[in-house]
Amino acid sequence: MATKKTQEKTSKYWWLKHLVLAVLAAFVTVLVLFWMLKGITRHGKTLEVPDLTNMTLMEARKVAKKNHIRIKITDSVYIPQLHAGQVLKQTPAAGSRVKKNRNILITINSLVPMMVKAPDVVGYSLRQAESNLHAANLQIGRLNYVPDIATNSVMGQSVNGRPLVPGTEIPAQSEIDLTLGLSGSDCWTRVPNLLTLPYHRVKSELTYNSLNLDKILFDGTVNTYADTLNSIVYKQEPDPTIGNSVRMGTGVTLYLTLNKDLAELNKKNVKPKDQIRDTTVALPKDTELEEAKPETGSEGNTDDSQPGEVYDDEPEI
C-alpha cells in the first residue's frame, strides 16, 4: 500500500522534475554558447589601429600584418607630388579600436599613371592656353618670355625641358612650360596681393598676372599633405605693396601657414608703395618646397587645378 502511494506521489511530480532539469539544461547551454561566442568574436578584446598614411603600399601591408589587421584598397587618386602607391587616407582613423583581422579601408596614390594627349596651344593667348591645358587635365608650368611684338602669345610648348609635340601622351597633371612673346611696350604686370589666398589658388592667380611661382615655404604649422591643401599665404616676395609692378615672368616666393590670424595681420599691414615698411611677422622652422616639376613615371587621377610642388620632405595625409 505504501509503495502504491509512493508511486502515485512520484508520478504526480514527474513533470516538475523534468521542468527543473530542462531549465538547468537550457541555462548550461546558454552559458556554453555565450562562452563560445565570446571566444569567437573576441568580445572586449580590441586592437589600436596604426597610422598607415604616408606609407607606401608595401610598408602599410607589413605594418597591418604586424598589428593583426588587414588593409583593403577602396580608391586611388593621382597626385604628382607623392609616390605611387602612397597611402593618402584610411578608415577607421589611426588610434581607433578594432577587433583582430578587421579590414582597414585605404585610399592610395595611383600605381598606374593615366595618360592624356597634349593639346596644341601654340598661337593661342596665355588665357586660352591655360583653359585648353586644364581641359586636357594638364597644368601650366613655367612662363618663359622672349622678345616679340605680341605679348603673352604662345610661341612654344615643352615638358621637362623638351619640346612637346601635340598629340603626345604624357601623364595627367603634368606641367607644360610655355614660351611666350613679350613686347617692349607691354612687359609690366602688377604684383597681386596673395595674402590669405588658399594654396590651391596661388598658381592660377600668378599665371593670370603673368608671373612664375619660384618656390613655396611652409611654416611649422604645416606637417601633412592635408595641411598643405588647407594652408594659406602669409608672406610673399616681391612684396604685394600697392602700385608695385614687375616685369612679366618674374618669379614669386610664397610662405604658407595654417595660422589665419597671422595671414590676416600681414594683409592689414600692406601699405602703398611710398609707405613701404617691413611689418611681416616671421615664423620659425620654414620648410622649403621647390617649384613643381612633373614626375613622368606616375599617373592617375587627381583633383583639378592643384599647383604641383615637389616635396623635399613628403607631408603626411
Protein backbone atom coordinates (compact mmCIF):
# COMPACT_ATOMS: atom_id res chain seq x y z
CA MET A 1 0.00 0.00 0.00
CA ALA A 2 2.86 2.33 0.91
CA THR A 3 4.59 1.54 -2.36
CA LYS A 4 1.48 2.41 -4.31
CA LYS A 5 1.22 5.79 -2.57
CA THR A 6 4.87 6.48 -3.24
CA GLN A 7 4.44 5.74 -6.96
CA GLU A 8 1.40 8.00 -7.11
CA LYS A 9 3.34 10.79 -5.40
CA THR A 10 6.31 10.31 -7.71
CA SER A 11 4.15 10.33 -10.83
CA LYS A 12 2.35 13.41 -9.56
CA TYR A 13 5.55 15.49 -9.54
CA TRP A 14 7.38 13.99 -12.53
CA TRP A 15 6.61 17.00 -14.67
CA LEU A 16 8.13 19.33 -12.08
CA LYS A 17 11.31 17.30 -12.02
CA HIS A 18 11.64 17.39 -15.78
CA LEU A 19 10.86 21.10 -15.91
CA VAL A 20 13.68 21.80 -13.46
CA LEU A 21 16.04 19.62 -15.46
CA ALA A 22 15.01 21.37 -18.69
CA VAL A 23 15.65 24.80 -17.14
CA LEU A 24 19.04 23.71 -15.88
CA ALA A 25 19.93 22.25 -19.27
CA ALA A 26 18.89 25.45 -21.02
CA PHE A 27 20.89 27.53 -18.58
CA VAL A 28 24.01 25.42 -19.12
CA THR A 29 23.53 25.58 -22.91
CA VAL A 30 23.28 29.38 -22.83
CA LEU A 31 26.43 29.63 -20.73
CA VAL A 32 28.34 27.37 -23.13
CA LEU A 33 27.11 29.28 -26.18
CA PHE A 34 27.96 32.62 -24.59
CA TRP A 35 31.43 31.43 -23.74
CA MET A 36 31.97 30.11 -27.27
CA LEU A 37 30.58 33.32 -28.84
CA LYS A 38 32.83 35.43 -26.66
CA GLY A 39 35.84 33.45 -27.82
CA ILE A 40 34.86 33.60 -31.50
CA THR A 41 34.04 37.33 -31.56
CA ARG A 42 36.85 38.27 -29.15
CA HIS A 43 34.41 40.28 -27.08
CA GLY A 44 36.20 43.01 -25.17
CA LYS A 45 39.50 42.34 -26.99
CA THR A 46 40.40 45.19 -29.37
CA LEU A 47 43.50 46.48 -31.12
CA GLU A 48 44.61 50.03 -31.75
CA VAL A 49 44.67 50.99 -35.43
CA PRO A 50 48.15 52.18 -36.51
CA ASP A 51 48.69 55.25 -38.68
CA LEU A 52 49.18 53.98 -42.24
CA THR A 53 49.06 57.35 -44.00
CA ASN A 54 52.14 58.48 -45.90
CA MET A 55 53.41 54.88 -46.08
CA THR A 56 53.94 53.02 -49.32
CA LEU A 57 51.53 50.20 -50.02
CA MET A 58 54.18 47.61 -49.20
CA GLU A 59 55.03 49.30 -45.89
CA ALA A 60 51.34 49.55 -44.99
CA ARG A 61 50.86 45.82 -45.60
CA LYS A 62 53.79 44.95 -43.34
CA VAL A 63 52.51 47.17 -40.53
CA ALA A 64 48.99 45.78 -40.93
CA LYS A 65 50.24 42.19 -40.70
CA LYS A 66 52.29 43.01 -37.62
CA ASN A 67 49.24 44.56 -35.93
CA HIS A 68 46.89 41.70 -36.88
CA ILE A 69 44.69 43.79 -39.16
CA ARG A 70 44.03 43.74 -42.89
CA ILE A 71 44.02 46.53 -45.46
CA LYS A 72 41.73 46.92 -48.44
CA ILE A 73 42.21 49.46 -51.24
CA THR A 74 38.90 51.19 -51.93
CA ASP A 75 40.02 54.16 -54.06
CA SER A 76 43.01 55.77 -55.76
CA VAL A 77 43.81 59.28 -56.96
CA TYR A 78 46.79 60.80 -58.74
CA ILE A 79 48.91 63.43 -57.01
CA PRO A 80 52.17 64.05 -58.90
CA GLN A 81 53.99 65.29 -55.78
CA LEU A 82 53.57 61.97 -53.96
CA HIS A 83 54.98 58.50 -54.51
CA ALA A 84 52.98 55.92 -56.44
CA GLY A 85 51.09 53.69 -54.00
CA GLN A 86 51.42 56.08 -51.06
CA VAL A 87 48.56 55.78 -48.57
CA LEU A 88 46.56 59.01 -48.52
CA LYS A 89 43.61 58.14 -46.30
CA GLN A 90 42.41 55.36 -44.04
CA THR A 91 39.17 54.29 -42.36
CA PRO A 92 38.93 53.75 -39.40
CA ALA A 93 41.37 56.50 -38.47
CA ALA A 94 44.62 55.90 -36.61
CA GLY A 95 44.05 55.39 -32.89
CA SER A 96 40.64 53.77 -33.30
CA ARG A 97 39.95 50.46 -31.56
CA VAL A 98 39.03 47.47 -33.73
CA LYS A 99 38.93 43.70 -33.42
CA LYS A 100 41.59 41.38 -34.76
CA ASN A 101 41.66 40.89 -38.56
CA ARG A 102 39.45 43.95 -39.14
CA ASN A 103 39.68 45.42 -42.67
CA ILE A 104 41.15 48.94 -42.80
CA LEU A 105 39.94 50.76 -45.92
CA ILE A 106 42.62 52.89 -47.60
CA THR A 107 42.92 55.36 -50.46
CA ILE A 108 46.26 55.38 -52.25
CA ASN A 109 48.12 57.45 -54.82
CA SER A 110 47.62 55.74 -58.17
CA LEU A 111 50.08 52.98 -59.06
CA VAL A 112 49.28 53.14 -62.77
CA PRO A 113 49.55 56.56 -64.46
CA MET A 114 46.68 57.87 -66.55
CA MET A 115 47.99 59.20 -69.84
CA VAL A 116 46.47 62.15 -71.68
CA LYS A 117 47.19 63.67 -75.09
CA ALA A 118 48.89 67.06 -75.18
CA PRO A 119 46.89 69.74 -77.00
CA ASP A 120 48.42 72.27 -79.38
CA VAL A 121 48.33 75.69 -77.71
CA VAL A 122 50.91 77.45 -79.93
CA GLY A 123 49.41 80.62 -81.35
CA TYR A 124 46.90 80.97 -78.54
CA SER A 125 46.89 83.66 -75.89
CA LEU A 126 48.03 82.76 -72.39
CA ARG A 127 44.41 82.75 -71.16
CA GLN A 128 43.25 80.43 -73.95
CA ALA A 129 46.24 78.14 -73.48
CA GLU A 130 45.55 77.82 -69.76
CA SER A 131 41.92 76.91 -70.45
CA ASN A 132 42.85 74.29 -73.07
CA LEU A 133 45.50 72.70 -70.86
CA HIS A 134 43.14 72.43 -67.90
CA ALA A 135 40.52 70.84 -70.16
CA ALA A 136 43.14 68.22 -71.10
CA ASN A 137 43.88 67.52 -67.40
CA LEU A 138 47.23 69.30 -67.63
CA GLN A 139 48.65 72.36 -65.90
CA ILE A 140 50.72 75.36 -66.85
CA GLY A 141 54.32 75.17 -65.70
CA ARG A 142 56.86 77.94 -66.15
CA LEU A 143 56.29 81.01 -68.30
CA ASN A 144 59.37 81.78 -70.40
CA TYR A 145 59.26 85.15 -72.17
CA VAL A 146 61.13 86.06 -75.36
CA PRO A 147 61.07 89.32 -77.37
CA ASP A 148 58.10 89.52 -79.73
CA ILE A 149 55.52 92.04 -80.84
CA ALA A 150 52.63 90.02 -79.36
CA THR A 151 52.80 89.91 -75.56
CA ASN A 152 51.51 86.67 -74.00
CA SER A 153 51.09 84.91 -77.33
CA VAL A 154 52.22 81.28 -77.03
CA MET A 155 55.24 80.61 -79.27
CA GLY A 156 56.21 77.16 -77.97
CA GLN A 157 55.33 74.41 -75.51
CA SER A 158 57.59 71.96 -73.68
CA VAL A 159 57.65 69.45 -70.84
CA ASN A 160 60.69 68.62 -68.72
CA GLY A 161 62.80 70.88 -70.92
CA ARG A 162 61.89 69.10 -74.17
CA PRO A 163 59.63 70.39 -76.95
CA LEU A 164 56.16 68.92 -76.65
CA VAL A 165 54.63 67.68 -79.88
CA PRO A 166 50.82 67.99 -79.91
CA GLY A 167 49.15 64.61 -79.51
CA THR A 168 51.99 63.15 -77.43
CA GLU A 169 50.74 61.09 -74.50
CA ILE A 170 52.02 62.34 -71.14
CA PRO A 171 50.96 61.73 -67.51
CA ALA A 172 47.88 63.60 -66.38
CA GLN A 173 48.54 66.76 -64.37
CA SER A 174 51.95 67.25 -65.98
CA GLU A 175 53.10 70.86 -66.06
CA ILE A 176 53.56 72.33 -69.52
CA ASP A 177 56.11 75.12 -69.84
CA LEU A 178 55.15 77.85 -72.29
CA THR A 179 57.32 80.17 -74.37
CA LEU A 180 55.54 83.50 -74.69
CA GLY A 181 56.10 86.69 -76.59
CA LEU A 182 56.97 89.91 -74.75
CA SER A 183 56.73 93.35 -76.32
CA GLY A 184 58.97 96.12 -75.00
CA SER A 185 55.96 98.43 -74.77
CA ASP A 186 53.84 95.90 -72.87
CA CYS A 187 56.06 93.98 -70.49
CA TRP A 188 54.96 95.04 -66.99
CA THR A 189 52.45 93.47 -64.66
CA ARG A 190 51.17 94.16 -61.17
CA VAL A 191 52.15 92.16 -58.13
CA PRO A 192 48.87 90.76 -56.77
CA ASN A 193 48.17 90.61 -53.06
CA LEU A 194 48.11 86.86 -52.39
CA LEU A 195 47.98 87.12 -48.59
CA THR A 196 45.31 84.79 -47.10
CA LEU A 197 44.86 83.12 -50.50
CA PRO A 198 44.49 79.31 -50.20
CA TYR A 199 47.20 77.02 -51.53
CA HIS A 200 45.19 75.61 -54.42
CA ARG A 201 44.58 79.07 -55.92
CA VAL A 202 48.04 80.62 -55.83
CA LYS A 203 49.37 79.15 -59.08
CA SER A 204 46.37 80.20 -61.17
CA GLU A 205 46.48 83.71 -59.68
CA LEU A 206 50.15 84.08 -60.53
CA THR A 207 49.58 82.79 -64.08
CA TYR A 208 46.72 85.25 -64.50
CA ASN A 209 49.19 88.04 -63.72
CA SER A 210 51.92 86.57 -66.00
CA LEU A 211 54.17 85.65 -63.07
CA ASN A 212 56.04 82.47 -62.12
CA LEU A 213 56.00 80.53 -58.88
CA ASP A 214 59.63 80.25 -57.81
CA LYS A 215 59.25 78.36 -54.55
CA ILE A 216 56.90 77.73 -51.65
CA LEU A 217 57.94 77.75 -48.00
CA PHE A 218 55.74 76.18 -45.34
CA ASP A 219 56.00 77.14 -41.68
CA GLY A 220 55.94 74.75 -38.71
CA THR A 221 52.13 74.50 -38.66
CA VAL A 222 52.06 72.58 -41.95
CA ASN A 223 53.05 68.96 -41.40
CA THR A 224 50.91 66.80 -43.70
CA TYR A 225 49.64 66.92 -47.25
CA ALA A 226 46.17 67.63 -45.89
CA ASP A 227 47.68 70.62 -44.04
CA THR A 228 49.23 71.76 -47.31
CA LEU A 229 45.85 71.80 -49.06
CA ASN A 230 44.37 73.86 -46.21
CA SER A 231 47.26 76.30 -45.88
CA ILE A 232 47.11 79.99 -46.85
CA VAL A 233 49.67 82.61 -47.85
CA TYR A 234 51.02 84.75 -45.01
CA LYS A 235 54.00 86.32 -46.78
CA GLN A 236 55.21 86.81 -50.33
CA GLU A 237 58.21 88.14 -52.24
CA PRO A 238 58.12 90.51 -54.13
CA ASP A 239 56.11 92.49 -51.65
CA PRO A 240 52.41 92.97 -52.54
CA THR A 241 52.62 96.71 -51.91
CA ILE A 242 50.04 98.82 -53.69
CA GLY A 243 51.32 100.09 -57.03
CA ASN A 244 54.26 97.67 -57.17
CA SER A 245 54.89 96.45 -60.74
CA VAL A 246 57.42 93.96 -62.10
CA ARG A 247 58.42 92.54 -65.45
CA MET A 248 56.30 89.68 -66.76
CA GLY A 249 57.81 86.29 -65.97
CA THR A 250 59.19 87.44 -62.60
CA GLY A 251 59.33 84.68 -60.01
CA VAL A 252 57.39 84.94 -56.75
CA THR A 253 58.25 83.19 -53.47
CA LEU A 254 55.33 82.36 -51.20
CA TYR A 255 55.17 81.48 -47.50
CA LEU A 256 52.20 79.43 -46.30
CA THR A 257 50.72 78.64 -42.90
CA LEU A 258 47.61 77.32 -41.17
CA ASN A 259 47.66 80.36 -38.88
CA LYS A 260 44.84 82.51 -40.28
CA ASP A 261 45.40 85.26 -37.72
CA LEU A 262 48.99 85.69 -38.90
CA ALA A 263 47.93 85.92 -42.54
CA GLU A 264 45.17 88.42 -41.74
CA LEU A 265 47.60 90.54 -39.70
CA ASN A 266 50.13 90.71 -42.53
CA LYS A 267 47.40 91.53 -45.03
CA LYS A 268 46.29 94.50 -42.96
CA ASN A 269 49.89 95.74 -42.87
CA VAL A 270 50.17 96.09 -46.66
CA LYS A 271 50.97 99.76 -47.40
CA PRO A 272 51.03 101.95 -50.50
CA LYS A 273 54.33 101.89 -52.37
CA ASP A 274 55.56 105.16 -50.86
CA GLN A 275 54.92 103.89 -47.31
CA ILE A 276 56.68 100.55 -47.50
CA ARG A 277 57.96 99.16 -44.25
CA ASP A 278 58.59 95.58 -43.15
CA THR A 279 55.67 94.56 -40.92
CA THR A 280 55.63 90.87 -41.78
CA VAL A 281 55.71 88.55 -38.81
CA ALA A 282 58.03 85.65 -39.50
CA LEU A 283 57.59 82.14 -38.12
CA PRO A 284 60.47 79.72 -37.48
CA LYS A 285 61.01 76.28 -38.97
CA ASP A 286 60.26 77.18 -42.58
CA THR A 287 60.35 74.11 -44.79
CA GLU A 288 61.26 74.75 -48.40
CA LEU A 289 59.44 73.26 -51.36
CA GLU A 290 60.94 73.81 -54.78
CA GLU A 291 58.67 74.70 -57.67
CA ALA A 292 56.95 71.65 -59.08
CA LYS A 293 58.34 69.55 -61.87
CA PRO A 294 56.12 66.75 -63.18
CA GLU A 295 57.11 63.18 -62.42
CA THR A 296 56.93 61.32 -65.70
CA GLY A 297 56.76 57.89 -64.13
CA SER A 298 53.48 58.34 -62.24
CA GLU A 299 49.91 58.92 -63.27
CA GLY A 300 46.26 58.53 -62.47
CA ASN A 301 43.54 60.98 -61.49
CA THR A 302 43.70 64.00 -59.22
CA ASP A 303 41.80 66.99 -58.10
CA ASP A 304 41.90 69.73 -60.71
CA SER A 305 43.87 72.95 -60.57
CA GLN A 306 46.30 71.96 -57.80
CA PRO A 307 49.75 73.51 -58.25
CA GLY A 308 52.45 70.90 -58.32
CA GLU A 309 55.28 71.40 -55.88
CA VAL A 310 57.92 68.77 -55.28
CA TYR A 311 58.24 67.88 -51.64
CA ASP A 312 61.69 67.57 -50.14
CA ASP A 313 60.17 66.01 -47.03
CA GLU A 314 56.93 64.48 -48.08
CA PRO A 315 53.95 65.59 -46.00
CA GLU A 316 51.61 63.10 -44.42
CA ILE A 317 47.95 62.98 -45.19
